[in-house]
């Protein structure tokens, strides 16, 4: 019998997972403060996401032997270290901050590898996709805070993005302590062959797995590009101040993501995941095209909301569809899927290169192409 109380620390881990997305809203702030080019600013997201590509597959194999809860605890410890480092270093340099974001990204990697499949262990039969969408909804709250807290800090307390680090540190520490004292019964097929690097990479020969992994790579890259560049979009197209009003672009995007993930958990009670993937991808493309033609800020924000609502459930849908097709390979699939989150490191760099070479609006063609692939993927059987 699965205890709902045991699921609570898993949802809190998803909240902490969302803290890793702070690299998106931080990008525009640091770009403005350090006068960075679009390409150089891409290093902020690069440091936040590069460890997904380096560690995810080895961690999927390690997790197959040591357990998901163990990896979840290691992730919280790594994230906590990355969050307290700038505090003790008094935010003394940009390089220190980049190293801290690397550690935070390492923690987020471990939390993704363990958090997504362990949700299946605490979910009732047939409710994995629903609970994973709710978990992503909780993660979106953590992501949302990366834009909301600096806005509140600037308006009410005369502070800035630095306030994020002590708040995040406290919440991650509470989650870690809670998880240490919580029992989680992990499901394991005794007949399953232990995962190896060969068996994990061998899954890429499966057309379903390979196309889904590429889908995650492109989707995450598109999401990070949007969260990082929406303040620049509002500043350039509608003359918003990038430190205050510009951040509303990222904030509004994450509010739409959070709302969409909550609604997704409801809709998936009656709509098949594949049909929902087609619908939600179409909505996101409408929003992306709206950015190019919006004549005023109101329609610009409508487009941003459409993108957030459309993006909201793509990750949990792709993940759950793949795992439900091959549940006995969940650890290996999780490792591959989380490796694909490295798209958040590379796609924004491509966006920055296109934006520097042509224009900021030309850069938005990159996430459009990413979502066209997702639409193609959703239409395939």
Protein backbone atom coordinates (compact mmCIF):
# COMPACT_ATOMS: atom_id res chain seq x y z
CA UNK A 1 0.00 0.00 0.00
CA UNK A 2 1.48 3.34 -1.04
CA UNK A 3 1.47 5.97 1.70
CA UNK A 4 0.63 9.49 0.52
CA UNK A 5 2.78 10.94 3.31
CA UNK A 6 5.82 9.23 1.79
CA UNK A 7 5.17 11.09 -1.46
CA UNK A 8 5.43 14.52 0.21
CA UNK A 9 9.25 14.68 0.39
CA UNK A 10 9.35 13.57 -3.26
CA UNK A 11 7.19 16.56 -4.19
CA UNK A 12 9.48 18.79 -2.08
CA UNK A 13 12.43 17.37 -4.03
CA UNK A 14 10.66 18.46 -7.20
CA UNK A 15 10.41 21.96 -5.69
CA UNK A 16 14.17 21.93 -5.09
CA UNK A 17 14.63 20.61 -8.62
CA UNK A 18 12.97 23.80 -9.86
CA UNK A 19 15.59 25.92 -8.12
CA UNK A 20 18.08 24.77 -10.77
CA UNK A 21 16.05 26.71 -13.34
CA UNK A 22 17.19 29.95 -11.68
CA UNK A 23 19.90 30.12 -14.36
CA UNK A 24 17.20 31.24 -16.81
CA UNK A 25 16.07 34.45 -15.08
CA UNK A 26 19.61 35.04 -13.77
CA UNK A 27 20.91 35.21 -17.33
CA UNK A 28 19.28 38.52 -18.23
CA UNK A 29 20.22 40.01 -14.84
CA UNK A 30 23.87 39.03 -15.09
CA UNK A 31 24.02 39.98 -18.77
CA UNK A 32 22.87 43.48 -17.88
CA UNK A 33 25.13 43.78 -14.83
CA UNK A 34 28.30 42.52 -16.55
CA UNK A 35 27.49 43.89 -20.06
CA UNK A 36 27.78 40.43 -21.62
CA UNK A 37 27.02 39.53 -25.23
CA UNK A 38 24.16 37.11 -25.94
CA UNK A 39 26.69 34.36 -26.59
CA UNK A 40 28.67 35.06 -23.39
CA UNK A 41 25.46 35.17 -21.34
CA UNK A 42 24.78 31.66 -22.60
CA UNK A 43 27.56 30.49 -20.26
CA UNK A 44 25.20 31.01 -17.31
CA UNK A 45 22.74 28.45 -18.64
CA UNK A 46 25.63 26.30 -19.90
CA UNK A 47 27.05 25.93 -16.37
CA UNK A 48 23.58 25.21 -15.02
CA UNK A 49 22.86 22.38 -17.45
CA UNK A 50 26.16 20.85 -18.61
CA UNK A 51 26.24 18.25 -15.81
CA UNK A 52 23.01 16.74 -17.11
CA UNK A 53 25.02 15.52 -20.09
CA UNK A 54 28.04 14.41 -18.07
CA UNK A 55 26.43 12.61 -15.12
CA UNK A 56 22.96 11.38 -16.04
CA UNK A 57 23.76 8.03 -17.66
CA UNK A 58 26.39 7.02 -15.06
CA UNK A 59 23.95 8.06 -12.32
CA UNK A 60 21.19 5.97 -13.89
CA UNK A 61 23.49 2.95 -13.65
CA UNK A 62 24.61 3.84 -10.10
CA UNK A 63 21.00 4.36 -9.08
CA UNK A 64 20.06 0.91 -10.40
CA UNK A 65 22.38 -0.52 -7.76
CA UNK A 66 22.15 1.93 -4.85
CA UNK A 67 18.53 3.06 -5.08
CA UNK A 68 16.63 6.17 -6.04
CA UNK A 69 16.28 7.63 -2.54
CA UNK A 70 20.05 7.48 -2.07
CA UNK A 71 20.64 9.43 -5.31
CA UNK A 72 17.91 11.90 -4.33
CA UNK A 73 19.74 12.61 -1.06
CA UNK A 74 23.06 13.12 -2.87
CA UNK A 75 21.35 15.58 -5.21
CA UNK A 76 20.01 17.65 -2.35
CA UNK A 77 23.47 17.74 -0.74
CA UNK A 78 25.14 18.92 -3.98
CA UNK A 79 22.49 21.60 -4.52
CA UNK A 80 22.85 22.81 -0.93
CA UNK A 81 26.62 23.14 -1.33
CA UNK A 82 26.19 25.17 -4.52
CA UNK A 83 23.69 27.47 -2.82
CA UNK A 84 25.72 28.24 0.30
CA UNK A 85 29.02 28.77 -1.54
CA UNK A 86 28.17 32.27 -2.90
CA UNK A 87 26.81 33.28 0.52
CA UNK A 88 30.08 32.48 2.28
CA UNK A 89 32.02 33.93 -0.65
CA UNK A 90 30.03 37.19 -0.38
CA UNK A 91 29.19 36.94 -4.12
CA UNK A 92 32.74 38.14 -4.71
CA UNK A 93 33.14 37.20 -8.39
CA UNK A 94 31.33 36.05 -11.49
CA UNK A 95 33.58 32.97 -11.66
CA UNK A 96 32.57 31.96 -8.13
CA UNK A 97 28.93 32.31 -9.12
CA UNK A 98 29.47 30.17 -12.22
CA UNK A 99 31.08 27.43 -10.08
CA UNK A 100 28.16 27.61 -7.65
CA UNK A 101 25.71 27.26 -10.55
CA UNK A 102 27.69 24.23 -11.73
CA UNK A 103 27.17 22.60 -8.30
CA UNK A 104 23.50 23.57 -8.29
CA UNK A 105 23.17 22.05 -11.76
CA UNK A 106 24.86 18.89 -10.47
CA UNK A 107 22.28 18.66 -7.70
CA UNK A 108 19.44 19.26 -10.15
CA UNK A 109 20.83 16.47 -12.35
CA UNK A 110 20.74 13.96 -9.49
CA UNK A 111 17.26 15.09 -8.47
CA UNK A 112 15.97 14.63 -12.03
CA UNK A 113 17.54 11.18 -12.42
CA UNK A 114 16.02 9.94 -9.16
CA UNK A 115 12.91 12.09 -8.83
CA UNK A 116 11.13 11.15 -12.05
CA UNK A 117 11.27 7.33 -11.66
CA UNK A 118 10.78 7.37 -7.87
CA UNK A 119 7.49 9.17 -8.48
CA UNK A 120 6.33 5.93 -10.08
CA UNK A 121 7.11 4.11 -6.82
CA UNK A 122 4.82 6.37 -4.80
CA UNK A 123 2.03 6.63 -7.42
CA UNK A 124 -1.14 4.49 -7.55
CA UNK A 125 -1.50 2.16 -10.52
CA UNK A 126 -2.14 4.07 -13.74
CA UNK A 127 -1.54 7.49 -12.13
CA UNK A 128 2.16 7.90 -12.88
CA UNK A 129 1.66 10.43 -15.73
CA UNK A 130 -0.79 12.41 -13.58
CA UNK A 131 1.50 12.53 -10.53
CA UNK A 132 4.52 13.34 -12.68
CA UNK A 133 2.62 16.31 -14.11
CA UNK A 134 1.75 17.42 -10.56
CA UNK A 135 5.41 16.96 -9.64
CA UNK A 136 6.36 19.17 -12.57
CA UNK A 137 3.75 21.66 -11.32
CA UNK A 138 5.56 21.79 -7.96
CA UNK A 139 8.88 22.10 -9.83
CA UNK A 140 7.39 25.05 -11.71
CA UNK A 141 6.79 26.80 -8.38
CA UNK A 142 10.52 26.50 -7.71
CA UNK A 143 11.26 27.75 -11.23
CA UNK A 144 8.83 30.65 -10.81
CA UNK A 145 10.58 31.80 -7.65
CA UNK A 146 13.76 32.55 -9.62
CA UNK A 147 12.00 35.50 -11.25
CA UNK A 148 9.50 36.36 -8.50
CA UNK A 149 11.90 36.69 -5.55
CA UNK A 150 14.24 39.23 -7.28
CA UNK A 151 11.19 41.31 -8.27
CA UNK A 152 9.89 41.36 -4.69
CA UNK A 153 13.38 41.96 -3.33
CA UNK A 154 13.88 45.00 -5.58
CA UNK A 155 10.43 46.46 -4.93
CA UNK A 156 10.06 46.01 -1.18
CA UNK A 157 13.48 45.42 0.37
CA UNK A 158 15.97 47.24 -1.85
CA UNK A 159 17.73 43.95 -2.60
CA UNK A 160 18.33 41.88 -5.73
CA UNK A 161 18.86 38.32 -7.02
CA UNK A 162 21.34 37.55 -4.21
CA UNK A 163 18.40 36.96 -1.85
CA UNK A 164 17.64 33.75 -3.78
CA UNK A 165 20.59 31.85 -2.33
CA UNK A 166 19.79 31.96 1.43
CA UNK A 167 16.09 31.24 0.78
CA UNK A 168 16.86 28.28 -1.46
CA UNK A 169 19.48 26.97 0.99
CA UNK A 170 16.95 26.84 3.82
CA UNK A 171 14.31 25.04 1.75
CA UNK A 172 16.76 22.47 0.38
CA UNK A 173 18.08 21.76 3.90
CA UNK A 174 14.52 21.17 5.17
CA UNK A 175 13.80 18.80 2.26
CA UNK A 176 16.99 16.84 2.88
CA UNK A 177 16.22 16.37 6.58
CA UNK A 178 12.62 15.34 5.82
CA UNK A 179 13.74 12.77 3.24
CA UNK A 180 16.33 11.27 5.59
CA UNK A 181 13.56 10.35 8.03
CA UNK A 182 11.06 9.13 5.41
CA UNK A 183 10.74 5.51 4.28
CA UNK A 184 10.23 5.03 0.55
CA UNK A 185 9.55 1.53 -0.78
CA UNK A 186 11.16 1.30 -4.18
CA UNK A 187 9.72 -1.15 -6.69
CA UNK A 188 12.32 -3.38 -8.32
CA UNK A 189 11.92 -6.25 -10.75
CA UNK A 190 13.99 -9.08 -9.29
CA UNK A 191 14.30 -10.65 -12.76
CA UNK A 192 15.60 -7.46 -14.33
CA UNK A 193 19.20 -7.45 -15.52
CA UNK A 194 21.30 -4.76 -13.73
CA UNK A 195 21.87 -1.67 -15.84
CA UNK A 196 25.25 -1.13 -17.48
CA UNK A 197 26.65 1.64 -19.67
CA UNK A 198 26.31 -0.67 -22.66
CA UNK A 199 22.67 -1.55 -21.91
CA UNK A 200 21.83 2.09 -21.26
CA UNK A 201 23.37 3.42 -24.47
CA UNK A 202 22.02 0.37 -26.30
CA UNK A 203 18.51 1.66 -25.67
CA UNK A 204 19.25 4.43 -28.17
CA UNK A 205 18.96 1.77 -30.88
CA UNK A 206 15.27 1.62 -30.03
CA UNK A 207 13.55 4.16 -32.34
CA UNK A 208 11.01 5.14 -29.65
CA UNK A 209 13.69 5.86 -27.06
CA UNK A 210 16.02 7.67 -29.49
CA UNK A 211 13.35 10.01 -30.84
CA UNK A 212 11.97 10.71 -27.37
CA UNK A 213 15.43 11.51 -25.98
CA UNK A 214 16.00 13.99 -28.82
CA UNK A 215 12.58 15.45 -28.03
CA UNK A 216 13.64 16.10 -24.43
CA UNK A 217 16.93 17.67 -25.62
CA UNK A 218 15.14 20.13 -27.89
CA UNK A 219 12.26 20.84 -25.52
CA UNK A 220 14.47 21.72 -22.54
CA UNK A 221 16.68 23.87 -24.76
CA UNK A 222 13.60 25.74 -25.98
CA UNK A 223 12.27 26.23 -22.43
CA UNK A 224 15.58 27.56 -21.08
CA UNK A 225 15.94 29.85 -24.10
CA UNK A 226 12.52 31.33 -23.39
CA UNK A 227 13.09 31.87 -19.66
CA UNK A 228 16.47 33.48 -20.38
CA UNK A 229 15.50 35.74 -23.29
CA UNK A 230 11.93 36.88 -22.60
CA UNK A 231 13.17 39.90 -20.55
CA UNK A 232 15.35 40.87 -23.52
CA UNK A 233 12.34 40.44 -25.82
CA UNK A 234 10.19 42.80 -23.72
CA UNK A 235 13.04 45.30 -23.39
CA UNK A 236 13.74 45.40 -27.13
CA UNK A 237 10.22 45.21 -28.53
CA UNK A 238 8.28 47.21 -25.93
CA UNK A 239 11.05 49.22 -24.15
CA UNK A 240 10.56 47.51 -20.76
CA UNK A 241 13.28 48.05 -18.14
CA UNK A 242 15.13 44.73 -18.07
CA UNK A 243 15.80 44.75 -14.29
CA UNK A 244 12.18 45.20 -13.25
CA UNK A 245 9.44 45.10 -15.87
CA UNK A 246 11.53 42.86 -18.12
CA UNK A 247 11.58 40.14 -15.50
CA UNK A 248 7.79 39.99 -15.74
CA UNK A 249 8.29 38.12 -19.01
CA UNK A 250 10.05 35.24 -17.27
CA UNK A 251 7.69 35.45 -14.29
CA UNK A 252 4.60 35.32 -16.51
CA UNK A 253 6.13 32.41 -18.45
CA UNK A 254 6.69 30.40 -15.28
CA UNK A 255 3.20 31.24 -13.95
CA UNK A 256 1.78 29.83 -17.19
CA UNK A 257 4.04 26.76 -16.86
CA UNK A 258 2.88 26.20 -13.29
CA UNK A 259 -0.79 26.63 -14.21
CA UNK A 260 -0.44 24.33 -17.22
CA UNK A 261 1.19 21.59 -15.15
CA UNK A 262 -1.58 21.73 -12.57
CA UNK A 263 -4.22 21.56 -15.31
CA UNK A 264 -2.27 18.78 -17.01
CA UNK A 265 -2.53 16.64 -13.88
CA UNK A 266 -6.32 17.05 -14.10
CA UNK A 267 -6.67 16.57 -17.87
CA UNK A 268 -4.57 13.39 -17.85
CA UNK A 269 -7.25 11.71 -15.72
CA UNK A 270 -9.34 11.38 -18.89
CA UNK A 271 -7.20 12.27 -21.95
CA UNK A 272 -4.58 9.80 -23.27
CA UNK A 273 -1.02 11.15 -22.91
CA UNK A 274 -0.27 11.01 -26.66
CA UNK A 275 -3.37 13.04 -27.58
CA UNK A 276 -2.53 15.60 -24.92
CA UNK A 277 1.03 15.87 -26.28
CA UNK A 278 -0.32 16.78 -29.74
CA UNK A 279 -2.66 19.41 -28.28
CA UNK A 280 -0.14 21.04 -25.95
CA UNK A 281 2.59 21.24 -28.61
CA UNK A 282 0.19 22.97 -31.01
CA UNK A 283 -0.66 25.56 -28.33
CA UNK A 284 3.02 26.31 -27.73
CA UNK A 285 3.67 26.89 -31.44
CA UNK A 286 0.77 29.35 -31.63
CA UNK A 287 2.34 31.30 -28.77
CA UNK A 288 5.80 31.29 -30.36
CA UNK A 289 4.46 32.65 -33.64
CA UNK A 290 2.56 35.27 -31.61
CA UNK A 291 5.84 36.74 -30.34
CA UNK A 292 6.75 37.80 -33.87
CA UNK A 293 3.47 39.55 -34.67
CA UNK A 294 2.37 40.97 -31.27
CA UNK A 295 1.75 44.71 -31.86
CA UNK A 296 1.56 45.65 -28.15
CA UNK A 297 2.61 44.33 -24.70
CA UNK A 298 -0.85 42.86 -23.98
CA UNK A 299 -0.71 40.51 -26.96
CA UNK A 300 2.95 39.88 -26.20
CA UNK A 301 2.01 38.59 -22.76
CA UNK A 302 -0.86 36.55 -24.26
CA UNK A 303 1.71 34.87 -26.51
CA UNK A 304 4.04 34.26 -23.54
CA UNK A 305 1.14 32.69 -21.60
CA UNK A 306 0.31 30.43 -24.55
CA UNK A 307 3.92 29.29 -24.76
CA UNK A 308 4.04 28.52 -21.03
CA UNK A 309 0.75 26.61 -21.10
CA UNK A 310 1.88 24.67 -24.15
CA UNK A 311 5.34 23.89 -22.78
CA UNK A 312 4.00 22.88 -19.37
CA UNK A 313 3.46 19.14 -19.80
CA UNK A 314 5.80 18.22 -22.65
CA UNK A 315 8.57 16.86 -20.41
CA UNK A 316 6.38 14.64 -18.18
CA UNK A 317 4.40 13.42 -21.20
CA UNK A 318 7.47 12.36 -23.17
CA UNK A 319 9.04 10.82 -20.07
CA UNK A 320 5.95 8.90 -18.91
CA UNK A 321 5.05 7.65 -22.40
CA UNK A 322 8.54 6.20 -22.78
CA UNK A 323 8.77 4.67 -19.28
CA UNK A 324 5.27 3.19 -19.49
CA UNK A 325 6.32 1.52 -22.75
CA UNK A 326 9.38 -0.05 -21.07
CA UNK A 327 8.87 0.07 -17.26
CA UNK A 328 11.54 -2.58 -16.65
CA UNK A 329 14.16 -0.18 -18.04
CA UNK A 330 13.02 2.87 -16.05
CA UNK A 331 16.43 3.64 -14.47
CA UNK A 332 18.24 3.48 -17.79
CA UNK A 333 15.55 5.51 -19.56
CA UNK A 334 15.68 8.06 -16.75
CA UNK A 335 19.44 8.37 -17.20
CA UNK A 336 19.08 8.96 -20.94
CA UNK A 337 16.17 11.37 -20.56
CA UNK A 338 17.95 13.45 -17.94
CA UNK A 339 21.12 13.42 -20.06
CA UNK A 340 19.01 15.03 -22.77
CA UNK A 341 18.36 17.98 -20.42
CA UNK A 342 21.80 19.10 -21.57
CA UNK A 343 19.79 20.72 -24.34
CA UNK A 344 19.37 23.52 -21.81
CA UNK A 345 23.13 24.14 -22.09
CA UNK A 346 23.50 24.03 -25.88
CA UNK A 347 20.28 25.31 -27.45
CA UNK A 348 20.48 28.74 -25.67
CA UNK A 349 24.05 29.08 -26.98
CA UNK A 350 22.74 28.47 -30.51
CA UNK A 351 20.00 31.04 -29.78
CA UNK A 352 22.67 33.53 -28.65
CA UNK A 353 24.79 32.90 -31.74
CA UNK A 354 21.82 33.48 -34.08
CA UNK A 355 20.76 36.57 -32.09
CA UNK A 356 24.27 38.08 -32.25
CA UNK A 357 24.63 37.26 -35.96
CA UNK A 358 21.21 38.53 -37.05
CA UNK A 359 18.80 39.86 -34.39
CA UNK A 360 17.15 38.90 -31.12
CA UNK A 361 13.90 38.01 -32.91
CA UNK A 362 15.81 35.80 -35.34
CA UNK A 363 17.05 33.90 -32.30
CA UNK A 364 13.47 32.93 -31.42
CA UNK A 365 13.38 30.85 -34.62
CA UNK A 366 15.53 28.32 -32.72
CA UNK A 367 12.83 27.37 -30.15
CA UNK A 368 10.24 27.40 -32.98
CA UNK A 369 12.23 24.71 -34.82
CA UNK A 370 12.57 22.73 -31.60
CA UNK A 371 8.80 22.69 -31.13
CA UNK A 372 8.17 21.76 -34.77
CA UNK A 373 10.16 18.58 -34.07
CA UNK A 374 8.09 17.90 -30.92
CA UNK A 375 4.90 18.28 -32.98
CA UNK A 376 6.28 15.80 -35.53
CA UNK A 377 7.16 13.45 -32.65
CA UNK A 378 3.69 13.69 -31.13
CA UNK A 379 2.03 12.85 -34.47
CA UNK A 380 4.15 9.71 -34.94
CA UNK A 381 2.79 6.41 -33.61
